[in-house]
C-alpha atoms as a PDB file:
ATOM      1  CA  MET A   1       0.000   0.000   0.000  1.00  0.00           C
ATOM      2  CA  LYS A   2       1.228   3.349  -0.939  1.00  0.00           C
ATOM      3  CA  PRO A   3       2.324   5.655   1.904  1.00  0.00           C
ATOM      4  CA  ALA A   4      -0.030   8.422   0.772  1.00  0.00           C
ATOM      5  CA  ARG A   5      -3.025   6.085   1.043  1.00  0.00           C
ATOM      6  CA  VAL A   6      -1.955   5.017   4.567  1.00  0.00           C
ATOM      7  CA  ILE A   7      -1.727   8.614   5.675  1.00  0.00           C
ATOM      8  CA  ILE A   8      -5.163   9.384   4.235  1.00  0.00           C
ATOM      9  CA  MET A   9      -6.704   6.400   6.061  1.00  0.00           C
ATOM     10  CA  ALA A  10      -5.066   7.389   9.385  1.00  0.00           C
ATOM     11  CA  VAL A  11      -6.385  10.937   9.075  1.00  0.00           C
ATOM     12  CA  ALA A  12      -9.862   9.599   8.313  1.00  0.00           C
ATOM     13  CA  VAL A  13      -9.806   7.331  11.379  1.00  0.00           C
ATOM     14  CA  LEU A  14      -8.702  10.212  13.622  1.00  0.00           C
ATOM     15  CA  ALA A  15     -11.379  12.482  12.183  1.00  0.00           C
ATOM     16  CA  ALA A  16     -14.063   9.860  12.788  1.00  0.00           C
ATOM     17  CA  GLY A  17     -12.901   9.384  16.393  1.00  0.00           C
ATOM     18  CA  ALA A  18     -12.930  13.109  17.032  1.00  0.00           C
ATOM     19  CA  ALA A  19     -16.410  13.433  15.545  1.00  0.00           C
ATOM     20  CA  GLY A  20     -17.715  10.615  17.751  1.00  0.00           C
ATOM     21  CA  TYR A  21     -16.212  12.164  20.891  1.00  0.00           C
ATOM     22  CA  LEU A  22     -17.806  15.535  20.086  1.00  0.00           C
ATOM     23  CA  ALA A  23     -21.157  13.866  19.473  1.00  0.00           C
ATOM     24  CA  MET A  24     -21.011  12.076  22.834  1.00  0.00           C
ATOM     25  CA  SER A  25     -20.010  15.266  24.683  1.00  0.00           C
ATOM     26  CA  LEU A  26     -22.906  17.231  23.220  1.00  0.00           C
ATOM     27  CA  THR A  27     -25.566  14.586  23.938  1.00  0.00           C
ATOM     28  CA  SER A  28     -24.529  13.560  27.518  1.00  0.00           C
ATOM     29  CA  PRO A  29     -25.975  15.699  30.412  1.00  0.00           C
ATOM     30  CA  THR A  30     -23.641  17.929  32.390  1.00  0.00           C
ATOM     31  CA  VAL A  31     -23.521  17.024  36.050  1.00  0.00           C
ATOM     32  CA  GLN A  32     -22.467  19.815  38.394  1.00  0.00           C
ATOM     33  CA  VAL A  33     -21.353  18.779  41.828  1.00  0.00           C
ATOM     34  CA  THR A  34     -22.070  21.451  44.458  1.00  0.00           C
ATOM     35  CA  GLN A  35     -20.732  21.332  47.955  1.00  0.00           C
ATOM     36  CA  SER A  36     -23.493  21.574  50.566  1.00  0.00           C
ATOM     37  CA  SER A  37     -22.913  24.082  53.355  1.00  0.00           C
ATOM     38  CA  GLU A  38     -24.223  23.925  56.971  1.00  0.00           C
ATOM     39  CA  PRO A  39     -26.354  26.910  58.142  1.00  0.00           C
ATOM     40  CA  VAL A  40     -24.348  29.240  60.342  1.00  0.00           C
ATOM     41  CA  ILE A  41     -25.955  29.676  63.807  1.00  0.00           C
ATOM     42  CA  GLN A  42     -24.788  32.721  65.706  1.00  0.00           C
ATOM     43  CA  GLN A  43     -24.970  32.313  69.492  1.00  0.00           C
ATOM     44  CA  MET A  44     -26.593  35.176  71.387  1.00  0.00           C
ATOM     45  CA  ALA A  45     -24.308  36.927  73.831  1.00  0.00           C
ATOM     46  CA  SER A  46     -25.205  36.222  77.475  1.00  0.00           C
ATOM     47  CA  ILE A  47     -24.109  37.290  80.950  1.00  0.00           C
ATOM     48  CA  ASP A  48     -24.324  35.165  84.107  1.00  0.00           C
ATOM     49  CA  VAL A  49     -26.827  36.500  86.638  1.00  0.00           C
ATOM     50  CA  LEU A  50     -27.820  35.173  90.052  1.00  0.00           C
ATOM     51  CA  VAL A  51     -31.182  33.352  89.998  1.00  0.00           C
ATOM     52  CA  ALA A  52     -33.275  31.469  92.546  1.00  0.00           C
ATOM     53  CA  LYS A  53     -32.937  27.664  92.588  1.00  0.00           C
ATOM     54  CA  THR A  54     -36.119  27.407  94.656  1.00  0.00           C
ATOM     55  CA  GLY A  55     -39.077  29.539  95.689  1.00  0.00           C
ATOM     56  CA  MET A  56     -38.455  31.735  98.741  1.00  0.00           C
ATOM     57  CA  PRO A  57     -41.156  33.258 101.009  1.00  0.00           C
ATOM     58  CA  VAL A  58     -40.955  36.615 102.758  1.00  0.00           C
ATOM     59  CA  GLY A  59     -38.531  36.382 105.669  1.00  0.00           C
ATOM     60  CA  GLY A  60     -36.648  33.392 104.214  1.00  0.00           C
ATOM     61  CA  ARG A  61     -32.850  33.333 104.164  1.00  0.00           C
ATOM     62  CA  LEU A  62     -30.680  32.803 101.085  1.00  0.00           C
ATOM     63  CA  GLY A  63     -28.104  30.018 100.968  1.00  0.00           C
ATOM     64  CA  GLU A  64     -26.039  28.021  98.482  1.00  0.00           C
ATOM     65  CA  GLU A  65     -28.966  25.648  97.977  1.00  0.00           C
ATOM     66  CA  SER A  66     -31.329  28.483  97.012  1.00  0.00           C
ATOM     67  CA  MET A  67     -29.344  30.414  94.344  1.00  0.00           C
ATOM     68  CA  GLU A  68     -27.136  29.763  91.311  1.00  0.00           C
ATOM     69  CA  TRP A  69     -25.546  31.511  88.305  1.00  0.00           C
ATOM     70  CA  LYS A  70     -27.441  31.259  85.006  1.00  0.00           C
ATOM     71  CA  GLY A  71     -26.803  32.769  81.566  1.00  0.00           C
ATOM     72  CA  TRP A  72     -29.073  35.717  80.757  1.00  0.00           C
ATOM     73  CA  PRO A  73     -29.346  37.404  77.297  1.00  0.00           C
ATOM     74  CA  GLU A  74     -27.194  40.517  77.242  1.00  0.00           C
ATOM     75  CA  GLU A  75     -29.924  42.397  75.374  1.00  0.00           C
ATOM     76  CA  GLY A  76     -32.368  41.633  78.226  1.00  0.00           C
ATOM     77  CA  MET A  77     -30.192  43.007  81.025  1.00  0.00           C
ATOM     78  CA  VAL A  78     -31.863  45.609  83.266  1.00  0.00           C
ATOM     79  CA  GLU A  79     -30.817  47.546  86.334  1.00  0.00           C
ATOM     80  CA  GLY A  80     -31.019  45.693  89.633  1.00  0.00           C
ATOM     81  CA  LEU A  81     -29.930  42.225  88.449  1.00  0.00           C
ATOM     82  CA  ILE A  82     -26.896  40.731  90.198  1.00  0.00           C
ATOM     83  CA  ARG A  83     -24.279  40.103  87.486  1.00  0.00           C
ATOM     84  CA  ARG A  84     -21.316  37.772  87.799  1.00  0.00           C
ATOM     85  CA  ASP A  85     -18.990  40.122  85.907  1.00  0.00           C
ATOM     86  CA  GLN A  86     -19.769  42.914  88.390  1.00  0.00           C
ATOM     87  CA  ARG A  87     -20.160  40.907  91.637  1.00  0.00           C
ATOM     88  CA  PRO A  88     -18.273  37.604  91.252  1.00  0.00           C
ATOM     89  CA  ASP A  89     -18.472  36.936  95.026  1.00  0.00           C
ATOM     90  CA  ALA A  90     -22.199  37.697  95.291  1.00  0.00           C
ATOM     91  CA  MET A  91     -23.171  34.149  96.360  1.00  0.00           C
ATOM     92  CA  ALA A  92     -20.820  34.304  99.333  1.00  0.00           C
ATOM     93  CA  GLU A  93     -21.822  37.879 100.184  1.00  0.00           C
ATOM     94  CA  LEU A  94     -25.549  37.061 100.189  1.00  0.00           C
ATOM     95  CA  GLN A  95     -25.343  34.000 102.453  1.00  0.00           C
ATOM     96  CA  GLY A  96     -28.039  34.502 105.099  1.00  0.00           C
ATOM     97  CA  ALA A  97     -29.613  37.511 103.373  1.00  0.00           C
ATOM     98  CA  VAL A  98     -33.315  37.986 104.152  1.00  0.00           C
ATOM     99  CA  VAL A  99     -36.050  37.935 101.503  1.00  0.00           C
ATOM    100  CA  ARG A 100     -38.217  41.087 101.578  1.00  0.00           C
ATOM    101  CA  LEU A 101     -40.643  40.095  98.789  1.00  0.00           C
ATOM    102  CA  PRO A 102     -41.614  36.622  97.484  1.00  0.00           C
ATOM    103  CA  ILE A 103     -39.090  35.089  95.067  1.00  0.00           C
ATOM    104  CA  PHE A 104     -40.068  32.359  92.591  1.00  0.00           C
ATOM    105  CA  LEU A 105     -38.124  29.443  91.114  1.00  0.00           C
ATOM    106  CA  GLY A 106     -35.836  30.600  88.275  1.00  0.00           C
ATOM    107  CA  GLU A 107     -36.428  34.288  88.966  1.00  0.00           C
ATOM    108  CA  PRO A 108     -33.337  36.554  88.773  1.00  0.00           C
ATOM    109  CA  LEU A 109     -32.486  37.906  92.212  1.00  0.00           C
ATOM    110  CA  ARG A 110     -32.839  41.675  92.543  1.00  0.00           C
ATOM    111  CA  THR A 111     -31.329  43.934  95.163  1.00  0.00           C
ATOM    112  CA  GLU A 112     -34.790  45.386  95.891  1.00  0.00           C
ATOM    113  CA  LYS A 113     -36.114  41.981  97.017  1.00  0.00           C
ATOM    114  CA  ILE A 114     -33.418  41.032  99.500  1.00  0.00           C
ATOM    115  CA  VAL A 115     -31.867  42.567 102.606  1.00  0.00           C
ATOM    116  CA  ASP A 116     -28.294  42.151 103.747  1.00  0.00           C
ATOM    117  CA  SER A 117     -28.000  39.708 106.632  1.00  0.00           C
ATOM    118  CA  SER A 118     -26.200  42.323 108.739  1.00  0.00           C
ATOM    119  CA  SER A 119     -29.223  44.644 108.780  1.00  0.00           C
ATOM    120  CA  ARG A 120     -32.112  44.462 111.266  1.00  0.00           C
ATOM    121  CA  ILE A 121     -34.510  41.997 109.704  1.00  0.00           C
ATOM    122  CA  MET A 122     -37.913  43.262 110.806  1.00  0.00           C
ATOM    123  CA  SER A 123     -37.070  46.941 110.370  1.00  0.00           C
ATOM    124  CA  SER A 124     -36.028  46.227 106.786  1.00  0.00           C
ATOM    125  CA  LEU A 125     -39.443  44.707 106.036  1.00  0.00           C
ATOM    126  CA  LEU A 126     -41.320  47.766 107.302  1.00  0.00           C
ATOM    127  CA  PRO A 127     -42.297  50.554 104.882  1.00  0.00           C
ATOM    128  CA  ALA A 128     -41.516  54.104 105.974  1.00  0.00           C
ATOM    129  CA  GLY A 129     -43.909  55.408 108.629  1.00  0.00           C
ATOM    130  CA  LYS A 130     -45.188  51.975 109.664  1.00  0.00           C
ATOM    131  CA  ARG A 131     -44.790  50.078 112.939  1.00  0.00           C
ATOM    132  CA  ALA A 132     -44.557  46.358 113.749  1.00  0.00           C
ATOM    133  CA  VAL A 133     -46.759  45.211 116.632  1.00  0.00           C
ATOM    134  CA  ALA A 134     -47.030  41.636 117.904  1.00  0.00           C
ATOM    135  CA  THR A 135     -50.196  40.087 119.286  1.00  0.00           C
ATOM    136  CA  GLU A 136     -50.781  36.607 120.677  1.00  0.00           C
ATOM    137  CA  ILE A 137     -52.878  34.216 118.613  1.00  0.00           C
ATOM    138  CA  SER A 138     -53.852  30.559 118.625  1.00  0.00           C
ATOM    139  CA  VAL A 139     -55.465  28.141 116.201  1.00  0.00           C
ATOM    140  CA  ALA A 140     -58.856  29.351 117.436  1.00  0.00           C
ATOM    141  CA  THR A 141     -58.025  33.054 117.073  1.00  0.00           C
ATOM    142  CA  GLY A 142     -55.820  32.860 113.957  1.00  0.00           C
ATOM    143  CA  ALA A 143     -58.108  31.431 111.242  1.00  0.00           C
ATOM    144  CA  GLY A 144     -57.170  27.846 112.041  1.00  0.00           C
ATOM    145  CA  GLY A 145     -53.469  28.394 111.344  1.00  0.00           C
ATOM    146  CA  PHE A 146     -54.002  29.426 107.713  1.00  0.00           C
ATOM    147  CA  ILE A 147     -52.764  33.007 108.166  1.00  0.00           C
ATOM    148  CA  LEU A 148     -49.349  33.550 106.560  1.00  0.00           C
ATOM    149  CA  PRO A 149     -46.989  36.525 106.094  1.00  0.00           C
ATOM    150  CA  ASN A 150     -48.320  39.151 103.646  1.00  0.00           C
ATOM    151  CA  ASP A 151     -51.951  38.112 104.251  1.00  0.00           C
ATOM    152  CA  ARG A 152     -54.538  40.771 105.103  1.00  0.00           C
ATOM    153  CA  VAL A 153     -56.619  40.447 108.274  1.00  0.00           C
ATOM    154  CA  ASP A 154     -59.222  42.194 110.396  1.00  0.00           C
ATOM    155  CA  VAL A 155     -58.534  42.419 114.134  1.00  0.00           C
ATOM    156  CA  ILE A 156     -61.683  41.651 116.143  1.00  0.00           C
ATOM    157  CA  MET A 157     -61.914  42.439 119.838  1.00  0.00           C
ATOM    158  CA  VAL A 158     -64.191  40.474 122.142  1.00  0.00           C
ATOM    159  CA  ARG A 159     -64.821  41.969 125.597  1.00  0.00           C
ATOM    160  CA  ARG A 160     -67.361  41.766 128.357  1.00  0.00           C
ATOM    161  CA  GLN A 161     -70.142  44.304 128.336  1.00  0.00           C
ATOM    162  CA  THR A 162     -69.751  46.839 131.127  1.00  0.00           C
ATOM    163  CA  GLY A 163     -72.471  46.547 133.781  1.00  0.00           C
ATOM    164  CA  ALA A 164     -74.310  43.735 132.018  1.00  0.00           C
ATOM    165  CA  GLU A 165     -74.009  40.143 130.993  1.00  0.00           C
ATOM    166  CA  GLY A 166     -72.816  39.140 127.568  1.00  0.00           C
ATOM    167  CA  PHE A 167     -69.946  40.103 125.293  1.00  0.00           C
ATOM    168  CA  ILE A 168     -69.321  42.870 122.781  1.00  0.00           C
ATOM    169  CA  THR A 169     -67.512  42.115 119.505  1.00  0.00           C
ATOM    170  CA  GLU A 170     -66.096  44.877 117.336  1.00  0.00           C
ATOM    171  CA  VAL A 171     -63.628  45.215 114.484  1.00  0.00           C
ATOM    172  CA  ILE A 172     -60.936  47.529 115.810  1.00  0.00           C
ATOM    173  CA  LEU A 173     -58.606  47.281 112.781  1.00  0.00           C
ATOM    174  CA  ALA A 174     -59.484  46.305 109.222  1.00  0.00           C
ATOM    175  CA  ASN A 175     -57.400  45.106 106.269  1.00  0.00           C
ATOM    176  CA  VAL A 176     -54.002  45.291 107.971  1.00  0.00           C
ATOM    177  CA  ARG A 177     -50.999  43.345 106.681  1.00  0.00           C
ATOM    178  CA  VAL A 178     -49.384  40.461 108.538  1.00  0.00           C
ATOM    179  CA  LEU A 179     -45.601  40.846 108.578  1.00  0.00           C
ATOM    180  CA  ALA A 180     -44.707  37.557 110.225  1.00  0.00           C
ATOM    181  CA  ILE A 181     -46.135  34.550 112.054  1.00  0.00           C
ATOM    182  CA  ASP A 182     -44.115  32.951 114.831  1.00  0.00           C
ATOM    183  CA  GLN A 183     -44.869  29.311 114.044  1.00  0.00           C
ATOM    184  CA  ARG A 184     -43.946  26.204 115.984  1.00  0.00           C
ATOM    185  CA  ILE A 185     -44.418  22.558 115.077  1.00  0.00           C
ATOM    186  CA  GLU A 186     -46.818  20.565 117.257  1.00  0.00           C
ATOM    187  CA  GLU A 187     -47.426  16.817 117.159  1.00  0.00           C
ATOM    188  CA  ASP A 188     -50.697  15.216 118.209  1.00  0.00           C
ATOM    189  CA  ALA A 189     -51.248  11.807 119.821  1.00  0.00           C
ATOM    190  CA  GLU A 190     -51.403  10.120 116.414  1.00  0.00           C
ATOM    191  CA  GLY A 191     -48.048  11.535 115.323  1.00  0.00           C
ATOM    192  CA  ASN A 192     -49.460  14.139 112.916  1.00  0.00           C
ATOM    193  CA  ARG A 193     -47.347  17.303 112.817  1.00  0.00           C
ATOM    194  CA  THR A 194     -48.857  20.744 112.184  1.00  0.00           C
ATOM    195  CA  ALA A 195     -47.515  24.311 112.165  1.00  0.00           C
ATOM    196  CA  VAL A 196     -49.218  26.429 114.829  1.00  0.00           C
ATOM    197  CA  GLY A 197     -48.717  30.175 115.175  1.00  0.00           C
ATOM    198  CA  SER A 198     -48.408  31.677 118.635  1.00  0.00           C
ATOM    199  CA  THR A 199     -47.677  35.315 117.736  1.00  0.00           C
ATOM    200  CA  ALA A 200     -48.655  37.456 114.757  1.00  0.00           C
ATOM    201  CA  THR A 201     -46.719  40.618 113.909  1.00  0.00           C
ATOM    202  CA  LEU A 202     -48.867  43.237 112.193  1.00  0.00           C
ATOM    203  CA  GLU A 203     -47.888  46.238 110.058  1.00  0.00           C
ATOM    204  CA  LEU A 204     -49.660  49.279 111.551  1.00  0.00           C
ATOM    205  CA  THR A 205     -49.620  53.051 111.497  1.00  0.00           C
ATOM    206  CA  PRO A 206     -48.645  54.881 114.727  1.00  0.00           C
ATOM    207  CA  GLU A 207     -52.343  55.554 115.416  1.00  0.00           C
ATOM    208  CA  GLN A 208     -53.276  51.919 114.874  1.00  0.00           C
ATOM    209  CA  THR A 209     -50.449  50.903 117.206  1.00  0.00           C
ATOM    210  CA  LYS A 210     -52.070  52.856 120.028  1.00  0.00           C
ATOM    211  CA  ILE A 211     -55.478  51.317 119.274  1.00  0.00           C
ATOM    212  CA  ILE A 212     -54.296  47.710 119.445  1.00  0.00           C
ATOM    213  CA  THR A 213     -52.287  48.451 122.599  1.00  0.00           C
ATOM    214  CA  VAL A 214     -55.450  49.703 124.333  1.00  0.00           C
ATOM    215  CA  ALA A 215     -57.449  46.781 122.925  1.00  0.00           C
ATOM    216  CA  GLN A 216     -54.964  44.276 124.336  1.00  0.00           C
ATOM    217  CA  GLN A 217     -55.640  45.687 127.803  1.00  0.00           C
ATOM    218  CA  MET A 218     -59.446  45.746 127.399  1.00  0.00           C
ATOM    219  CA  ALA A 219     -60.101  42.572 125.420  1.00  0.00           C
ATOM    220  CA  ASP A 220     -60.916  39.117 126.682  1.00  0.00           C
ATOM    221  CA  ARG A 221     -59.753  37.908 123.294  1.00  0.00           C
ATOM    222  CA  LEU A 222     -58.311  39.349 120.065  1.00  0.00           C
ATOM    223  CA  THR A 223     -59.110  37.361 116.940  1.00  0.00           C
ATOM    224  CA  LEU A 224     -57.614  37.705 113.461  1.00  0.00           C
ATOM    225  CA  ALA A 225     -60.066  37.254 110.576  1.00  0.00           C
ATOM    226  CA  LEU A 226     -58.385  36.348 107.286  1.00  0.00           C
ATOM    227  CA  ARG A 227     -59.387  38.488 104.297  1.00  0.00           C
ATOM    228  CA  SER A 228     -59.403  37.731 100.567  1.00  0.00           C
ATOM    229  CA  VAL A 229     -56.251  38.312  98.550  1.00  0.00           C
ATOM    230  CA  ALA A 230     -58.359  40.658  96.390  1.00  0.00           C
ATOM    231  CA  ASP A 231     -58.439  43.106  99.317  1.00  0.00           C
ATOM    232  CA  VAL A 232     -54.713  43.810  99.029  1.00  0.00           C
ATOM    233  CA  GLN A 233     -55.367  46.866  96.864  1.00  0.00           C
ATOM    234  CA  GLU A 234     -57.843  48.339  99.333  1.00  0.00           C
ATOM    235  CA  PRO A 235     -56.420  50.813 101.884  1.00  0.00           C
ATOM    236  CA  ASP A 236     -56.466  49.868 105.554  1.00  0.00           C
ATOM    237  CA  ASN A 237     -58.657  52.020 107.791  1.00  0.00           C
ATOM    238  CA  GLU A 238     -57.611  54.095 110.776  1.00  0.00           C
ATOM    239  CA  GLY A 239     -59.324  51.730 113.179  1.00  0.00           C
ATOM    240  CA  ALA A 240     -61.466  52.237 116.270  1.00  0.00           C
ATOM    241  CA  LYS A 241     -60.147  55.646 117.358  1.00  0.00           C
ATOM    242  CA  TYR A 242     -62.803  55.905 120.063  1.00  0.00           C
ATOM    243  CA  LEU A 243     -60.760  53.470 122.129  1.00  0.00           C
ATOM    244  CA  LEU A 244     -58.133  56.179 122.573  1.00  0.00           C
ATOM    245  CA  SER A 245     -60.624  58.724 123.916  1.00  0.00           C
ATOM    246  CA  GLY A 246     -62.384  56.314 126.257  1.00  0.00           C
ATOM    247  CA  GLU A 247     -65.620  56.453 124.280  1.00  0.00           C
ATOM    248  CA  ASP A 248     -67.516  53.258 123.686  1.00  0.00           C
ATOM    249  CA  GLY A 249     -68.600  51.684 120.464  1.00  0.00           C
ATOM    250  CA  SER A 250     -69.034  52.078 116.789  1.00  0.00           C
ATOM    251  CA  THR A 251     -72.353  52.640 115.026  1.00  0.00           C
ATOM    252  CA  ALA A 252     -73.259  48.980 115.441  1.00  0.00           C
ATOM    253  CA  ILE A 253     -71.904  46.355 117.786  1.00  0.00           C
ATOM    254  CA  GLN A 254     -72.840  42.789 118.573  1.00  0.00           C
ATOM    255  CA  VAL A 255     -73.880  41.637 122.040  1.00  0.00           C
ATOM    256  CA  ILE A 256     -73.685  37.903 122.730  1.00  0.00           C
ATOM    257  CA  ARG A 257     -75.895  36.575 125.544  1.00  0.00           C
ATOM    258  CA  SER A 258     -76.177  32.842 126.127  1.00  0.00           C
ATOM    259  CA  GLY A 259     -75.117  32.201 122.559  1.00  0.00           C
ATOM    260  CA  ALA A 260     -77.668  34.633 121.087  1.00  0.00           C
ATOM    261  CA  VAL A 261     -76.240  37.499 118.984  1.00  0.00           C
ATOM    262  CA  THR A 262     -77.974  40.890 119.038  1.00  0.00           C
ATOM    263  CA  ASN A 263     -76.947  44.031 117.068  1.00  0.00           C
ATOM    264  CA  ILE A 264     -77.396  47.225 119.096  1.00  0.00           C
ATOM    265  CA  GLY A 265     -76.461  50.849 118.617  1.00  0.00           C
ATOM    266  CA  ALA A 266     -73.488  52.212 120.571  1.00  0.00           C
ATOM    267  CA  THR A 267     -73.833  54.973 123.145  1.00  0.00           C
ATOM    268  CA  ASN A 268     -71.597  58.029 122.884  1.00  0.00           C
END
């Protein structure tokens, strides 16, 4: 075979191969491989603040078991919160501090709700211009032991009627706040244990303090009547001021004779 013919045949074969490769490239689909990317999650900046590990009533004391550091969103920071970056030793400093207002589980501790343990406890619970006065109570005179700190009560005085048989009952103070109850644990014959209050400390104005002091001298019994929580917003009254002047009675009093109750008008 002549060399020229061999060359021509080789060129033809190469041309046919190139044409076939181009045909296959044009007809086959193009597959693009893309690399998947994870969504970027940006963590919100937070600051450790001191929070309550358990609910705390008024008059309770803080301890290691009742508070802990928890992250709090930096954007939600407000004045009054106890921050770790500002008070790193706050847990040690607040050991034994007294709770002024109720604190709930998980609630950030605020300086307005607690009192330093070195301060006088009861005086720190009193608003300006108020007085704390204690009066003896029992299960019978303290609403069956259901009266607790921050409850509102009426103080009812029961005394013997002067110059006659029977008793007079009158509300000498209405809607006053209970600051504290001195409770003790008693156990009955069956082993059941109950909390019984022996003394109630009331929040009173100076005028009301005088009234209850006189009533304690006159009364055969002082009874606390528990009021609804809805009465918290109502103002407390000045009380039975006539006790301070020696006058007797309000517009209507109750006389109890042999178990019978009679409403009568008071004499002035």
